[in-house]
């Protein structure tokens, strides 16, 4: 059972994991270096635990102690109980859900291990917006994509905003980070995947025409919001595909486009 500790000093070193959560650049450096990530809200904390992530500590307001009692009872980590105002002073924002947990990161698998049993894979290039990362992971989980590969400069799926937007789906879909881009697409292709680049370019075939749901193995590449896939990524693809548009709309937000494309490449597959 976790020890419940009331803390009334925002400078208490035991709260170090939770300091300056709104400083994106600082947290992006700190969290991987210190081997932690922050889970926010009851559902996300529970899903992180169910996915096998070990807890370092929890930070709760008093009213959340009873709600999280079963999680506390199963854990041997400290539970810091603070007033909402103190939580805001420590974290830098009003913690609406009243529950935070510091979780231990796990080593990422190699891309080859992620690909071994996959049939439908998402490949992201330079997607550095945490909201988009979270939205894409949530759609990937919901629509039956098997795995995610990230280019070296993609944002961290375990950053607090990504985890929150995904509602914990980042814990459900295996992912790996590629080391060399786009050179590391070669092993993807050698594993039997057809690499499709999603682009609004008129030269691309529509998803209906390409019929990716009939392909044995598909790796669908998505680019960053606005700029899309780079020329190097497009050149490395086996084919270009697009979502047909109407009413003069030329493109969708990458999160929305991802959901549409995921459905197209997974149509007819059983969902768990």
Protein backbone atom coordinates (compact mmCIF):
# COMPACT_ATOMS: atom_id res chain seq x y z
CA UNK A 1 0.00 0.00 0.00
CA UNK A 2 1.32 3.43 -0.92
CA UNK A 3 2.17 5.80 1.91
CA UNK A 4 -0.11 8.85 1.98
CA UNK A 5 1.87 11.99 2.79
CA UNK A 6 0.42 15.47 3.18
CA UNK A 7 2.71 18.12 1.71
CA UNK A 8 2.27 21.85 2.32
CA UNK A 9 5.53 23.25 0.93
CA UNK A 10 5.69 23.79 -2.86
CA UNK A 11 9.50 23.64 -2.66
CA UNK A 12 9.46 20.16 -1.10
CA UNK A 13 12.03 18.16 -3.13
CA UNK A 14 9.73 15.14 -3.10
CA UNK A 15 7.52 17.01 -5.60
CA UNK A 16 10.37 17.42 -8.09
CA UNK A 17 8.76 15.17 -10.71
CA UNK A 18 5.78 17.54 -10.94
CA UNK A 19 7.50 20.91 -11.15
CA UNK A 20 7.12 23.26 -14.14
CA UNK A 21 4.80 21.01 -16.15
CA UNK A 22 3.89 23.92 -18.45
CA UNK A 23 7.52 24.50 -19.49
CA UNK A 24 7.42 22.37 -22.64
CA UNK A 25 11.10 22.64 -23.59
CA UNK A 26 12.25 21.89 -20.06
CA UNK A 27 9.95 18.90 -19.67
CA UNK A 28 10.88 17.53 -23.10
CA UNK A 29 14.51 17.42 -21.96
CA UNK A 30 13.94 16.40 -18.36
CA UNK A 31 11.46 13.58 -18.65
CA UNK A 32 13.37 11.23 -20.99
CA UNK A 33 16.63 12.04 -19.20
CA UNK A 34 15.12 11.21 -15.82
CA UNK A 35 13.19 8.20 -17.13
CA UNK A 36 9.72 9.44 -16.24
CA UNK A 37 6.51 10.72 -17.73
CA UNK A 38 3.39 12.28 -16.23
CA UNK A 39 -0.04 10.66 -16.41
CA UNK A 40 -2.91 13.07 -15.78
CA UNK A 41 -6.42 12.10 -14.71
CA UNK A 42 -7.93 8.96 -13.26
CA UNK A 43 -8.49 7.10 -16.54
CA UNK A 44 -5.03 7.80 -17.90
CA UNK A 45 -3.32 6.82 -14.64
CA UNK A 46 -5.26 3.56 -14.56
CA UNK A 47 -4.48 2.80 -18.20
CA UNK A 48 -0.79 3.45 -17.68
CA UNK A 49 -0.77 0.97 -14.81
CA UNK A 50 -2.76 -1.60 -16.79
CA UNK A 51 -0.22 -1.25 -19.62
CA UNK A 52 2.54 -2.23 -17.20
CA UNK A 53 4.16 1.12 -16.46
CA UNK A 54 5.50 1.29 -12.92
CA UNK A 55 4.56 4.25 -10.75
CA UNK A 56 7.12 6.52 -9.06
CA UNK A 57 4.60 8.56 -7.06
CA UNK A 58 1.19 10.22 -7.16
CA UNK A 59 0.13 13.82 -6.56
CA UNK A 60 -3.50 14.13 -5.48
CA UNK A 61 -5.87 16.65 -4.03
CA UNK A 62 -7.71 15.29 -0.99
CA UNK A 63 -10.98 14.52 -2.75
CA UNK A 64 -9.19 12.19 -5.17
CA UNK A 65 -7.70 9.97 -2.48
CA UNK A 66 -10.89 7.90 -2.14
CA UNK A 67 -11.39 7.75 -5.91
CA UNK A 68 -7.88 6.38 -6.40
CA UNK A 69 -7.93 4.21 -3.27
CA UNK A 70 -7.68 0.90 -5.15
CA UNK A 71 -4.67 2.16 -7.12
CA UNK A 72 -3.04 3.40 -3.91
CA UNK A 73 -3.66 0.06 -2.20
CA UNK A 74 -1.98 -1.84 -5.03
CA UNK A 75 1.07 0.42 -5.07
CA UNK A 76 4.05 0.77 -2.75
CA UNK A 77 4.94 4.28 -3.96
CA UNK A 78 4.35 7.53 -2.05
CA UNK A 79 1.13 9.47 -2.54
CA UNK A 80 1.54 13.20 -2.00
CA UNK A 81 -1.69 14.94 -0.99
CA UNK A 82 -1.76 18.69 -1.55
CA UNK A 83 -4.21 21.56 -1.68
CA UNK A 84 -5.29 22.57 -5.23
CA UNK A 85 -3.56 25.94 -4.90
CA UNK A 86 -0.28 24.26 -4.00
CA UNK A 87 -0.62 21.82 -6.91
CA UNK A 88 -1.04 24.81 -9.22
CA UNK A 89 2.02 26.51 -7.76
CA UNK A 90 4.13 23.39 -8.26
CA UNK A 91 2.91 22.38 -11.72
CA UNK A 92 2.28 25.82 -13.19
CA UNK A 93 -1.38 25.27 -14.04
CA UNK A 94 -4.72 24.43 -12.44
CA UNK A 95 -4.88 20.63 -12.27
CA UNK A 96 -8.53 20.23 -13.27
CA UNK A 97 -8.63 16.48 -12.83
CA UNK A 98 -6.92 16.66 -9.43
CA UNK A 99 -4.80 13.56 -10.00
CA UNK A 100 -1.29 13.21 -11.40
CA UNK A 101 1.10 10.30 -11.37
CA UNK A 102 4.78 10.12 -12.21
CA UNK A 103 5.40 6.90 -14.14
CA UNK A 104 8.62 5.12 -15.09
CA UNK A 105 9.48 4.97 -18.77
CA UNK A 106 10.43 1.68 -20.38
CA UNK A 107 13.09 1.15 -23.04
CA UNK A 108 11.61 1.50 -26.51
CA UNK A 109 11.60 -1.64 -28.66
CA UNK A 110 13.57 -1.80 -31.89
CA UNK A 111 11.62 -1.07 -35.05
CA UNK A 112 12.24 -4.63 -36.25
CA UNK A 113 10.56 -6.02 -33.14
CA UNK A 114 7.53 -3.76 -33.61
CA UNK A 115 7.22 -4.76 -37.28
CA UNK A 116 7.54 -8.49 -36.74
CA UNK A 117 3.86 -9.21 -36.08
CA UNK A 118 2.33 -6.02 -37.54
CA UNK A 119 0.28 -5.71 -40.72
CA UNK A 120 -0.83 -2.07 -40.56
CA UNK A 121 1.76 0.50 -39.44
CA UNK A 122 1.72 4.28 -39.06
CA UNK A 123 4.94 6.11 -39.92
CA UNK A 124 5.15 9.74 -38.75
CA UNK A 125 7.64 12.23 -40.11
CA UNK A 126 8.39 15.39 -38.11
CA UNK A 127 5.03 15.44 -36.33
CA UNK A 128 6.14 17.68 -33.47
CA UNK A 129 2.80 18.90 -32.13
CA UNK A 130 1.90 16.93 -28.99
CA UNK A 131 -1.84 17.32 -29.57
CA UNK A 132 -1.53 15.82 -33.05
CA UNK A 133 0.63 12.97 -31.75
CA UNK A 134 -2.01 12.14 -29.14
CA UNK A 135 -4.88 12.36 -31.63
CA UNK A 136 -3.08 10.11 -34.12
CA UNK A 137 -2.32 7.49 -31.48
CA UNK A 138 -5.95 7.51 -30.33
CA UNK A 139 -7.21 6.96 -33.88
CA UNK A 140 -4.55 4.32 -34.51
CA UNK A 141 -5.70 2.37 -31.46
CA UNK A 142 -9.41 2.79 -32.19
CA UNK A 143 -9.17 1.85 -35.87
CA UNK A 144 -6.91 -1.16 -35.56
CA UNK A 145 -3.46 0.02 -36.61
CA UNK A 146 -0.85 -2.36 -35.24
CA UNK A 147 2.13 -0.13 -34.56
CA UNK A 148 3.66 3.32 -34.94
CA UNK A 149 7.12 4.30 -36.19
CA UNK A 150 8.43 7.80 -35.46
CA UNK A 151 11.08 9.73 -37.35
CA UNK A 152 13.90 10.99 -35.09
CA UNK A 153 12.38 14.50 -34.81
CA UNK A 154 8.82 13.54 -33.91
CA UNK A 155 7.43 14.71 -30.59
CA UNK A 156 7.39 12.46 -27.54
CA UNK A 157 4.22 10.32 -27.32
CA UNK A 158 4.67 10.14 -23.53
CA UNK A 159 4.69 13.90 -23.05
CA UNK A 160 1.77 14.85 -20.78
CA UNK A 161 -0.27 16.58 -23.50
CA UNK A 162 0.11 13.66 -25.93
CA UNK A 163 -0.91 11.13 -23.29
CA UNK A 164 -3.89 13.26 -22.24
CA UNK A 165 -5.21 13.84 -25.78
CA UNK A 166 -4.81 10.16 -26.63
CA UNK A 167 -6.74 9.21 -23.46
CA UNK A 168 -3.99 6.70 -22.76
CA UNK A 169 -4.02 5.17 -26.24
CA UNK A 170 -0.26 5.78 -26.43
CA UNK A 171 -0.03 2.83 -24.03
CA UNK A 172 -2.06 0.56 -26.34
CA UNK A 173 -0.17 0.79 -29.64
CA UNK A 174 3.47 -0.41 -29.78
CA UNK A 175 5.84 2.19 -31.15
CA UNK A 176 9.50 2.65 -31.97
CA UNK A 177 11.68 5.55 -33.01
CA UNK A 178 13.66 5.28 -36.22
CA UNK A 179 17.30 6.38 -36.02
CA UNK A 180 18.05 7.48 -39.57
CA UNK A 181 15.46 9.19 -41.77
CA UNK A 182 14.37 8.25 -44.34
CA UNK A 183 17.02 5.52 -44.69
CA UNK A 184 15.30 3.38 -42.06
CA UNK A 185 12.29 3.00 -44.33
CA UNK A 186 14.33 0.40 -46.25
CA UNK A 187 13.98 -2.27 -43.51
CA UNK A 188 10.25 -1.50 -43.39
CA UNK A 189 9.97 -2.28 -47.07
CA UNK A 190 12.22 -5.34 -46.69
CA UNK A 191 9.80 -6.61 -44.03
CA UNK A 192 7.15 -6.79 -46.74
CA UNK A 193 5.37 -3.47 -46.23
CA UNK A 194 4.11 -1.29 -49.05
CA UNK A 195 5.03 2.25 -48.03
CA UNK A 196 2.23 4.69 -48.84
CA UNK A 197 2.69 8.45 -48.49
CA UNK A 198 -0.47 10.36 -47.56
CA UNK A 199 -0.44 13.68 -49.43
CA UNK A 200 -3.01 16.09 -50.91
CA UNK A 201 -0.96 16.22 -54.13
CA UNK A 202 -3.23 15.78 -57.14
CA UNK A 203 -0.79 13.27 -58.63
CA UNK A 204 -1.56 10.85 -55.79
CA UNK A 205 -4.10 8.08 -56.24
CA UNK A 206 -7.23 8.29 -54.14
CA UNK A 207 -7.43 5.84 -51.26
CA UNK A 208 -10.37 4.18 -52.98
CA UNK A 209 -8.29 3.54 -56.10
CA UNK A 210 -5.24 2.37 -54.18
CA UNK A 211 -7.36 -0.01 -52.04
CA UNK A 212 -4.80 -0.35 -49.22
CA UNK A 213 -7.17 -2.58 -47.25
CA UNK A 214 -6.43 -5.32 -49.82
CA UNK A 215 -2.66 -5.08 -49.40
CA UNK A 216 -0.93 -7.66 -47.23
CA UNK A 217 1.18 -5.19 -45.27
CA UNK A 218 0.88 -1.39 -45.32
CA UNK A 219 3.04 1.36 -43.81
CA UNK A 220 1.16 4.65 -44.06
CA UNK A 221 3.34 7.78 -43.82
CA UNK A 222 2.01 11.03 -42.34
CA UNK A 223 3.76 14.39 -42.29
CA UNK A 224 3.65 17.39 -40.02
CA UNK A 225 0.75 19.80 -39.87
CA UNK A 226 1.01 22.36 -42.68
CA UNK A 227 4.24 21.28 -44.34
CA UNK A 228 3.24 17.65 -44.88
CA UNK A 229 5.72 15.01 -45.92
CA UNK A 230 9.15 16.14 -47.05
CA UNK A 231 10.40 15.62 -50.60
CA UNK A 232 12.76 12.93 -49.27
CA UNK A 233 9.91 11.03 -47.63
CA UNK A 234 7.74 11.27 -50.73
CA UNK A 235 10.61 9.99 -52.86
CA UNK A 236 11.11 7.04 -50.50
CA UNK A 237 7.47 5.91 -50.73
CA UNK A 238 6.24 3.12 -52.98
CA UNK A 239 3.12 5.12 -53.85
CA UNK A 240 1.32 8.35 -53.01
CA UNK A 241 -2.27 8.29 -51.79
CA UNK A 242 -4.75 11.05 -51.02
CA UNK A 243 -8.14 11.63 -49.46
CA UNK A 244 -10.55 13.05 -52.09
CA UNK A 245 -11.82 16.50 -51.09
CA UNK A 246 -14.99 18.46 -51.89
CA UNK A 247 -16.28 22.04 -51.64
CA UNK A 248 -12.89 23.57 -52.32
CA UNK A 249 -11.23 22.12 -49.22
CA UNK A 250 -7.64 21.24 -50.05
CA UNK A 251 -6.61 19.28 -46.94
CA UNK A 252 -7.51 18.17 -43.44
CA UNK A 253 -5.80 18.56 -40.10
CA UNK A 254 -3.28 15.73 -39.84
CA UNK A 255 -5.21 14.18 -36.94
CA UNK A 256 -8.45 14.09 -38.94
CA UNK A 257 -6.68 12.91 -42.09
CA UNK A 258 -5.02 10.12 -40.12
CA UNK A 259 -8.37 8.80 -38.86
CA UNK A 260 -9.84 8.74 -42.38
CA UNK A 261 -6.76 7.02 -43.79
CA UNK A 262 -6.55 4.49 -40.96
CA UNK A 263 -10.10 3.39 -41.67
CA UNK A 264 -9.24 3.00 -45.35
CA UNK A 265 -6.23 0.77 -44.66
CA UNK A 266 -7.94 -1.35 -42.00
CA UNK A 267 -11.41 -1.77 -43.53
CA UNK A 268 -12.61 -5.35 -43.25
CA UNK A 269 -10.06 -6.36 -40.61
CA UNK A 270 -11.40 -7.74 -37.31
CA UNK A 271 -11.09 -5.32 -34.41
CA UNK A 272 -10.34 -6.39 -30.87
